[in-house]
């Protein structure tokens, strides 16, 4: 059924992080309803808005990395493509930044 997708450990960890974030945000929202606030994003946002923007950013970072990994190996004169773990860590850092300061 899932043979069409390249299920690697970093991909599984990425999706597990998303599921855990959604579950955690749901519990947090039930316990403490959110308020609109203005951060570095150009609009006033709630926690859910920032999570959505952060998840989109994380997904695009990972897609860009997968698309550019072979070019990065050429540009940086690497013997093999860089690990996908780098994009996972970078995307989670960006997600954390958007959630905290967005």
C-alpha atoms as a PDB file:
ATOM      1  CA  UNK A   1       0.000   0.000   0.000  1.00  0.00           C
ATOM      2  CA  UNK A   2       2.783   2.455   0.875  1.00  0.00           C
ATOM      3  CA  UNK A   3       5.323   1.049  -1.590  1.00  0.00           C
ATOM      4  CA  UNK A   4       5.191   4.226  -3.674  1.00  0.00           C
ATOM      5  CA  UNK A   5       6.721   6.325  -0.881  1.00  0.00           C
ATOM      6  CA  UNK A   6      10.319   6.226   0.261  1.00  0.00           C
ATOM      7  CA  UNK A   7       9.757   5.543   3.954  1.00  0.00           C
ATOM      8  CA  UNK A   8      13.104   6.200   5.540  1.00  0.00           C
ATOM      9  CA  UNK A   9      13.797   6.844   9.201  1.00  0.00           C
ATOM     10  CA  UNK A  10      14.059  10.658   8.768  1.00  0.00           C
ATOM     11  CA  UNK A  11      10.725  10.714   6.888  1.00  0.00           C
ATOM     12  CA  UNK A  12       9.075   8.666   9.637  1.00  0.00           C
ATOM     13  CA  UNK A  13      10.545  10.926  12.348  1.00  0.00           C
ATOM     14  CA  UNK A  14       9.300  14.003  10.468  1.00  0.00           C
ATOM     15  CA  UNK A  15       5.732  12.682  10.311  1.00  0.00           C
ATOM     16  CA  UNK A  16       5.840  11.485  13.924  1.00  0.00           C
ATOM     17  CA  UNK A  17       6.916  15.013  14.950  1.00  0.00           C
ATOM     18  CA  UNK A  18       3.927  16.446  13.086  1.00  0.00           C
ATOM     19  CA  UNK A  19       1.480  14.046  14.759  1.00  0.00           C
ATOM     20  CA  UNK A  20       2.936  14.772  18.207  1.00  0.00           C
ATOM     21  CA  UNK A  21       2.792  18.523  17.562  1.00  0.00           C
ATOM     22  CA  UNK A  22      -0.862  18.336  16.537  1.00  0.00           C
ATOM     23  CA  UNK A  23      -1.775  16.229  19.582  1.00  0.00           C
ATOM     24  CA  UNK A  24       0.175  18.528  21.908  1.00  0.00           C
ATOM     25  CA  UNK A  25      -1.364  21.665  20.427  1.00  0.00           C
ATOM     26  CA  UNK A  26      -4.851  20.192  20.816  1.00  0.00           C
ATOM     27  CA  UNK A  27      -4.275  19.468  24.497  1.00  0.00           C
ATOM     28  CA  UNK A  28      -2.660  22.878  25.028  1.00  0.00           C
ATOM     29  CA  UNK A  29      -5.618  24.624  23.366  1.00  0.00           C
ATOM     30  CA  UNK A  30      -8.095  22.730  25.559  1.00  0.00           C
ATOM     31  CA  UNK A  31      -6.149  23.602  28.710  1.00  0.00           C
ATOM     32  CA  UNK A  32      -5.346  27.215  27.818  1.00  0.00           C
ATOM     33  CA  UNK A  33      -7.252  28.924  24.976  1.00  0.00           C
ATOM     34  CA  UNK A  34      -5.036  31.037  22.773  1.00  0.00           C
ATOM     35  CA  UNK A  35      -4.927  34.800  22.275  1.00  0.00           C
ATOM     36  CA  UNK A  36      -4.061  36.687  19.117  1.00  0.00           C
ATOM     37  CA  UNK A  37      -0.615  38.276  19.151  1.00  0.00           C
ATOM     38  CA  UNK A  38       1.755  39.982  16.722  1.00  0.00           C
ATOM     39  CA  UNK A  39       5.279  38.668  16.235  1.00  0.00           C
ATOM     40  CA  UNK A  40       7.589  38.900  13.229  1.00  0.00           C
ATOM     41  CA  UNK A  41       4.887  37.515  10.925  1.00  0.00           C
ATOM     42  CA  UNK A  42       3.034  40.324   9.136  1.00  0.00           C
ATOM     43  CA  UNK A  43      -0.330  39.426  10.724  1.00  0.00           C
ATOM     44  CA  UNK A  44      -1.690  38.810  14.201  1.00  0.00           C
ATOM     45  CA  UNK A  45      -1.737  35.054  14.788  1.00  0.00           C
ATOM     46  CA  UNK A  46      -2.875  32.408  17.235  1.00  0.00           C
ATOM     47  CA  UNK A  47      -0.809  29.369  18.245  1.00  0.00           C
ATOM     48  CA  UNK A  48      -2.659  27.306  15.656  1.00  0.00           C
ATOM     49  CA  UNK A  49      -1.898  29.833  12.913  1.00  0.00           C
ATOM     50  CA  UNK A  50       1.783  29.807  13.818  1.00  0.00           C
ATOM     51  CA  UNK A  51       1.803  25.999  13.867  1.00  0.00           C
ATOM     52  CA  UNK A  52       0.256  25.917  10.395  1.00  0.00           C
ATOM     53  CA  UNK A  53       2.779  28.424   9.007  1.00  0.00           C
ATOM     54  CA  UNK A  54       5.624  26.584  10.724  1.00  0.00           C
ATOM     55  CA  UNK A  55       4.522  23.189   9.366  1.00  0.00           C
ATOM     56  CA  UNK A  56       4.261  24.595   5.858  1.00  0.00           C
ATOM     57  CA  UNK A  57       7.744  26.075   6.223  1.00  0.00           C
ATOM     58  CA  UNK A  58       9.103  22.772   7.527  1.00  0.00           C
ATOM     59  CA  UNK A  59       7.578  20.857   4.633  1.00  0.00           C
ATOM     60  CA  UNK A  60       8.977  23.264   2.051  1.00  0.00           C
ATOM     61  CA  UNK A  61      12.429  23.175   3.649  1.00  0.00           C
ATOM     62  CA  UNK A  62      12.454  19.379   3.455  1.00  0.00           C
ATOM     63  CA  UNK A  63      11.207  19.369  -0.134  1.00  0.00           C
ATOM     64  CA  UNK A  64      13.797  21.956  -1.165  1.00  0.00           C
ATOM     65  CA  UNK A  65      16.545  19.943   0.493  1.00  0.00           C
ATOM     66  CA  UNK A  66      15.510  16.750  -1.282  1.00  0.00           C
ATOM     67  CA  UNK A  67      15.418  18.619  -4.592  1.00  0.00           C
ATOM     68  CA  UNK A  68      18.766  20.341  -4.082  1.00  0.00           C
ATOM     69  CA  UNK A  69      20.755  17.618  -2.278  1.00  0.00           C
ATOM     70  CA  UNK A  70      22.561  16.462  -5.417  1.00  0.00           C
ATOM     71  CA  UNK A  71      23.454  20.042  -6.329  1.00  0.00           C
ATOM     72  CA  UNK A  72      24.690  20.695  -2.771  1.00  0.00           C
ATOM     73  CA  UNK A  73      26.986  17.686  -3.099  1.00  0.00           C
ATOM     74  CA  UNK A  74      28.419  19.158  -6.306  1.00  0.00           C
ATOM     75  CA  UNK A  75      28.736  22.713  -4.964  1.00  0.00           C
ATOM     76  CA  UNK A  76      30.388  21.597  -1.716  1.00  0.00           C
ATOM     77  CA  UNK A  77      32.521  18.914  -3.423  1.00  0.00           C
ATOM     78  CA  UNK A  78      31.081  16.129  -1.259  1.00  0.00           C
ATOM     79  CA  UNK A  79      31.481  12.455  -2.086  1.00  0.00           C
ATOM     80  CA  UNK A  80      27.789  11.779  -1.470  1.00  0.00           C
ATOM     81  CA  UNK A  81      24.597  13.759  -0.937  1.00  0.00           C
ATOM     82  CA  UNK A  82      24.200  15.305   2.521  1.00  0.00           C
ATOM     83  CA  UNK A  83      21.966  13.434   4.952  1.00  0.00           C
ATOM     84  CA  UNK A  84      18.276  14.262   5.141  1.00  0.00           C
ATOM     85  CA  UNK A  85      18.732  14.618   8.902  1.00  0.00           C
ATOM     86  CA  UNK A  86      20.151  18.097   8.256  1.00  0.00           C
ATOM     87  CA  UNK A  87      16.897  19.241   6.668  1.00  0.00           C
ATOM     88  CA  UNK A  88      14.854  17.651   9.469  1.00  0.00           C
ATOM     89  CA  UNK A  89      16.835  19.514  12.118  1.00  0.00           C
ATOM     90  CA  UNK A  90      16.702  22.783  10.153  1.00  0.00           C
ATOM     91  CA  UNK A  91      12.954  22.480   9.560  1.00  0.00           C
ATOM     92  CA  UNK A  92      12.265  21.775  13.251  1.00  0.00           C
ATOM     93  CA  UNK A  93      14.389  24.795  14.241  1.00  0.00           C
ATOM     94  CA  UNK A  94      12.423  27.008  11.837  1.00  0.00           C
ATOM     95  CA  UNK A  95       9.164  25.586  13.197  1.00  0.00           C
ATOM     96  CA  UNK A  96      10.312  26.358  16.747  1.00  0.00           C
ATOM     97  CA  UNK A  97      11.275  29.914  15.750  1.00  0.00           C
ATOM     98  CA  UNK A  98       7.883  30.541  14.116  1.00  0.00           C
ATOM     99  CA  UNK A  99       6.038  29.104  17.127  1.00  0.00           C
ATOM    100  CA  UNK A 100       8.067  31.131  19.606  1.00  0.00           C
ATOM    101  CA  UNK A 101       8.466  34.488  17.875  1.00  0.00           C
ATOM    102  CA  UNK A 102       6.089  34.431  14.915  1.00  0.00           C
END
